[in-house]
Amino acid sequence: MTDRNEVTLELDNIKRDLPRTRDIVLDAARDIGFTDSDAWCIVSAVFEACANAVVHGRRGCQGRITLSVRTYDDRLEAIVQDTGAGFTCPAKSPVPPPTSRRGRGIPMMKAFMDEVRFEYDGGCRAVLVKHLTT
């Protein structure tokens, strides 16, 4: 069994808390041995999941968003939970044309992480996993 550490952040004040997600994820990724390049890819994917939760997952701007970052000996898991209605994520998420103002988040998450899944239970839970390669 691998050891697990967890850091949880409630995103109550979006202007203050959303940038803090970068620091939490970057520190966690570096602490278990990800390269700087991989760590920044993880940060980008998790930040995008948090930004999506802010834009799409807060019912009437009143909902709660929680980020939990769990590190194990061999992987990092980030869970972004919101209170929104959720959505149906297509199996394939193509990158939109360059002129599109939206739609790059999920393809980016899938490109940077080893696993990306969305679960629905009183909101949407985005689960992002990156395995540490040796």
C-alpha atoms as a PDB file:
ATOM      1  CA  MET A   1       0.000   0.000   0.000  1.00  0.00           C
ATOM      2  CA  THR A   2       1.281   3.468  -0.823  1.00  0.00           C
ATOM      3  CA  ASP A   3       1.330   6.416   1.530  1.00  0.00           C
ATOM      4  CA  ARG A   4      -1.182   9.164   0.944  1.00  0.00           C
ATOM      5  CA  ASN A   5      -1.134  12.866   1.739  1.00  0.00           C
ATOM      6  CA  GLU A   6      -4.056  15.181   1.088  1.00  0.00           C
ATOM      7  CA  VAL A   7      -4.560  18.926   0.918  1.00  0.00           C
ATOM      8  CA  THR A   8      -8.064  20.368   0.548  1.00  0.00           C
ATOM      9  CA  LEU A   9      -9.017  23.914  -0.379  1.00  0.00           C
ATOM     10  CA  GLU A  10     -12.507  25.417  -0.353  1.00  0.00           C
ATOM     11  CA  LEU A  11     -12.781  27.974  -3.126  1.00  0.00           C
ATOM     12  CA  ASP A  12     -14.926  30.582  -1.415  1.00  0.00           C
ATOM     13  CA  ASN A  13     -13.339  33.774  -2.727  1.00  0.00           C
ATOM     14  CA  ILE A  14     -12.575  33.069  -6.349  1.00  0.00           C
ATOM     15  CA  LYS A  15     -10.181  35.988  -6.883  1.00  0.00           C
ATOM     16  CA  ARG A  16      -8.141  34.970  -3.846  1.00  0.00           C
ATOM     17  CA  ASP A  17      -8.469  31.203  -3.900  1.00  0.00           C
ATOM     18  CA  LEU A  18      -8.239  30.271  -7.577  1.00  0.00           C
ATOM     19  CA  PRO A  19      -4.603  31.429  -7.911  1.00  0.00           C
ATOM     20  CA  ARG A  20      -3.749  29.503  -4.709  1.00  0.00           C
ATOM     21  CA  THR A  21      -4.684  26.285  -6.484  1.00  0.00           C
ATOM     22  CA  ARG A  22      -1.560  26.641  -8.605  1.00  0.00           C
ATOM     23  CA  ASP A  23       0.729  26.750  -5.582  1.00  0.00           C
ATOM     24  CA  ILE A  24      -0.940  23.795  -3.870  1.00  0.00           C
ATOM     25  CA  VAL A  25      -0.806  21.590  -6.963  1.00  0.00           C
ATOM     26  CA  LEU A  26       2.732  22.620  -7.933  1.00  0.00           C
ATOM     27  CA  ASP A  27       4.071  21.938  -4.430  1.00  0.00           C
ATOM     28  CA  ALA A  28       2.337  18.549  -4.281  1.00  0.00           C
ATOM     29  CA  ALA A  29       3.608  17.497  -7.714  1.00  0.00           C
ATOM     30  CA  ARG A  30       7.177  18.529  -6.949  1.00  0.00           C
ATOM     31  CA  ASP A  31       7.089  16.903  -3.506  1.00  0.00           C
ATOM     32  CA  ILE A  32       6.539  13.427  -4.948  1.00  0.00           C
ATOM     33  CA  GLY A  33       9.100  13.835  -7.717  1.00  0.00           C
ATOM     34  CA  PHE A  34       7.428  15.082 -10.890  1.00  0.00           C
ATOM     35  CA  THR A  35       9.723  17.031 -13.206  1.00  0.00           C
ATOM     36  CA  ASP A  36       9.055  20.742 -13.515  1.00  0.00           C
ATOM     37  CA  SER A  37       7.629  20.168 -16.986  1.00  0.00           C
ATOM     38  CA  ASP A  38       5.209  17.497 -15.779  1.00  0.00           C
ATOM     39  CA  ALA A  39       4.360  19.511 -12.661  1.00  0.00           C
ATOM     40  CA  TRP A  40       3.352  22.535 -14.756  1.00  0.00           C
ATOM     41  CA  CYS A  41       1.230  20.327 -17.034  1.00  0.00           C
ATOM     42  CA  ILE A  42      -0.552  19.007 -13.945  1.00  0.00           C
ATOM     43  CA  VAL A  43      -1.008  22.559 -12.637  1.00  0.00           C
ATOM     44  CA  SER A  44      -2.486  23.645 -15.980  1.00  0.00           C
ATOM     45  CA  ALA A  45      -4.942  20.740 -16.099  1.00  0.00           C
ATOM     46  CA  VAL A  46      -6.101  21.165 -12.494  1.00  0.00           C
ATOM     47  CA  PHE A  47      -6.356  24.933 -12.805  1.00  0.00           C
ATOM     48  CA  GLU A  48      -8.545  24.450 -15.880  1.00  0.00           C
ATOM     49  CA  ALA A  49     -10.796  22.026 -13.984  1.00  0.00           C
ATOM     50  CA  CYS A  50     -11.124  24.602 -11.183  1.00  0.00           C
ATOM     51  CA  ALA A  51     -11.835  27.398 -13.665  1.00  0.00           C
ATOM     52  CA  ASN A  52     -14.506  25.243 -15.331  1.00  0.00           C
ATOM     53  CA  ALA A  53     -16.093  24.644 -11.944  1.00  0.00           C
ATOM     54  CA  VAL A  54     -16.139  28.401 -11.295  1.00  0.00           C
ATOM     55  CA  VAL A  55     -17.742  29.163 -14.655  1.00  0.00           C
ATOM     56  CA  HIS A  56     -20.104  26.192 -14.976  1.00  0.00           C
ATOM     57  CA  GLY A  57     -20.513  24.617 -11.564  1.00  0.00           C
ATOM     58  CA  ARG A  58     -21.740  27.261  -9.170  1.00  0.00           C
ATOM     59  CA  ARG A  59     -25.511  27.455  -9.027  1.00  0.00           C
ATOM     60  CA  GLY A  60     -26.326  31.145  -9.057  1.00  0.00           C
ATOM     61  CA  CYS A  61     -22.746  31.957  -8.004  1.00  0.00           C
ATOM     62  CA  GLN A  62     -23.600  30.548  -4.580  1.00  0.00           C
ATOM     63  CA  GLY A  63     -22.250  27.036  -4.892  1.00  0.00           C
ATOM     64  CA  ARG A  64     -19.189  25.650  -3.196  1.00  0.00           C
ATOM     65  CA  ILE A  65     -16.126  24.393  -5.031  1.00  0.00           C
ATOM     66  CA  THR A  66     -13.622  22.105  -3.340  1.00  0.00           C
ATOM     67  CA  LEU A  67     -10.187  21.082  -4.573  1.00  0.00           C
ATOM     68  CA  SER A  68      -8.571  18.035  -2.981  1.00  0.00           C
ATOM     69  CA  VAL A  69      -5.047  17.086  -4.000  1.00  0.00           C
ATOM     70  CA  ARG A  70      -3.970  13.613  -2.959  1.00  0.00           C
ATOM     71  CA  THR A  71      -0.437  12.408  -3.418  1.00  0.00           C
ATOM     72  CA  TYR A  72       0.693   8.816  -3.270  1.00  0.00           C
ATOM     73  CA  ASP A  73       4.112   7.284  -3.842  1.00  0.00           C
ATOM     74  CA  ASP A  74       3.271   6.696  -7.506  1.00  0.00           C
ATOM     75  CA  ARG A  75       0.675   9.297  -8.514  1.00  0.00           C
ATOM     76  CA  LEU A  76      -1.110  12.573  -7.910  1.00  0.00           C
ATOM     77  CA  GLU A  77      -4.896  12.781  -7.861  1.00  0.00           C
ATOM     78  CA  ALA A  78      -6.808  16.047  -7.990  1.00  0.00           C
ATOM     79  CA  ILE A  79     -10.528  16.110  -7.319  1.00  0.00           C
ATOM     80  CA  VAL A  80     -12.533  19.232  -8.138  1.00  0.00           C
ATOM     81  CA  GLN A  81     -16.064  19.089  -6.727  1.00  0.00           C
ATOM     82  CA  ASP A  82     -18.766  21.651  -7.480  1.00  0.00           C
ATOM     83  CA  THR A  83     -22.497  21.951  -6.886  1.00  0.00           C
ATOM     84  CA  GLY A  84     -23.549  22.418 -10.499  1.00  0.00           C
ATOM     85  CA  ALA A  85     -25.844  20.215 -12.524  1.00  0.00           C
ATOM     86  CA  GLY A  86     -22.985  18.546 -14.358  1.00  0.00           C
ATOM     87  CA  PHE A  87     -22.789  17.760 -18.043  1.00  0.00           C
ATOM     88  CA  THR A  88     -22.267  14.885 -20.392  1.00  0.00           C
ATOM     89  CA  CYS A  89     -18.638  14.735 -21.373  1.00  0.00           C
ATOM     90  CA  PRO A  90     -18.190  13.244 -24.831  1.00  0.00           C
ATOM     91  CA  ALA A  91     -15.839  10.275 -25.130  1.00  0.00           C
ATOM     92  CA  LYS A  92     -13.788  12.290 -27.594  1.00  0.00           C
ATOM     93  CA  SER A  93     -13.181  15.939 -26.871  1.00  0.00           C
ATOM     94  CA  PRO A  94     -11.666  17.448 -29.995  1.00  0.00           C
ATOM     95  CA  VAL A  95      -9.799  20.730 -29.809  1.00  0.00           C
ATOM     96  CA  PRO A  96     -12.018  23.470 -31.239  1.00  0.00           C
ATOM     97  CA  PRO A  97     -10.945  25.663 -34.140  1.00  0.00           C
ATOM     98  CA  PRO A  98      -8.540  28.516 -33.339  1.00  0.00           C
ATOM     99  CA  THR A  99     -11.331  31.074 -33.712  1.00  0.00           C
ATOM    100  CA  SER A 100     -13.417  29.472 -30.955  1.00  0.00           C
ATOM    101  CA  ARG A 101     -13.404  31.248 -27.614  1.00  0.00           C
ATOM    102  CA  ARG A 102     -14.230  28.103 -25.624  1.00  0.00           C
ATOM    103  CA  GLY A 103     -13.821  24.361 -25.551  1.00  0.00           C
ATOM    104  CA  ARG A 104     -10.121  23.801 -24.943  1.00  0.00           C
ATOM    105  CA  GLY A 105     -10.273  22.849 -21.263  1.00  0.00           C
ATOM    106  CA  ILE A 106     -11.261  19.194 -21.384  1.00  0.00           C
ATOM    107  CA  PRO A 107      -8.980  18.339 -24.333  1.00  0.00           C
ATOM    108  CA  MET A 108      -6.113  20.008 -22.452  1.00  0.00           C
ATOM    109  CA  MET A 109      -6.888  18.080 -19.255  1.00  0.00           C
ATOM    110  CA  LYS A 110      -6.959  14.817 -21.205  1.00  0.00           C
ATOM    111  CA  ALA A 111      -3.688  15.653 -22.974  1.00  0.00           C
ATOM    112  CA  PHE A 112      -1.815  16.479 -19.756  1.00  0.00           C
ATOM    113  CA  MET A 113      -3.200  13.832 -17.388  1.00  0.00           C
ATOM    114  CA  ASP A 114      -3.235  10.031 -17.515  1.00  0.00           C
ATOM    115  CA  GLU A 115      -6.851   9.790 -16.358  1.00  0.00           C
ATOM    116  CA  VAL A 116      -9.693  12.306 -16.486  1.00  0.00           C
ATOM    117  CA  ARG A 117     -13.213  11.384 -15.483  1.00  0.00           C
ATOM    118  CA  PHE A 118     -16.362  13.177 -14.427  1.00  0.00           C
ATOM    119  CA  GLU A 119     -18.694  11.845 -11.762  1.00  0.00           C
ATOM    120  CA  TYR A 120     -22.079  13.214 -10.745  1.00  0.00           C
ATOM    121  CA  ASP A 121     -23.514  13.095  -7.248  1.00  0.00           C
ATOM    122  CA  GLY A 122     -24.989  16.355  -5.988  1.00  0.00           C
ATOM    123  CA  GLY A 123     -22.751  18.241  -8.385  1.00  0.00           C
ATOM    124  CA  CYS A 124     -19.933  17.459 -10.740  1.00  0.00           C
ATOM    125  CA  ARG A 125     -16.695  15.875  -9.574  1.00  0.00           C
ATOM    126  CA  ALA A 126     -13.728  16.068 -11.946  1.00  0.00           C
ATOM    127  CA  VAL A 127     -11.075  13.495 -11.092  1.00  0.00           C
ATOM    128  CA  LEU A 128      -7.648  13.992 -12.662  1.00  0.00           C
ATOM    129  CA  VAL A 129      -4.813  11.506 -12.169  1.00  0.00           C
ATOM    130  CA  LYS A 130      -1.157  11.649 -13.218  1.00  0.00           C
ATOM    131  CA  HIS A 131       1.133   8.670 -12.602  1.00  0.00           C
ATOM    132  CA  LEU A 132       4.745   9.188 -11.703  1.00  0.00           C
ATOM    133  CA  THR A 133       6.915   7.372 -14.203  1.00  0.00           C
ATOM    134  CA  THR A 134      10.218   5.924 -13.081  1.00  0.00           C
END
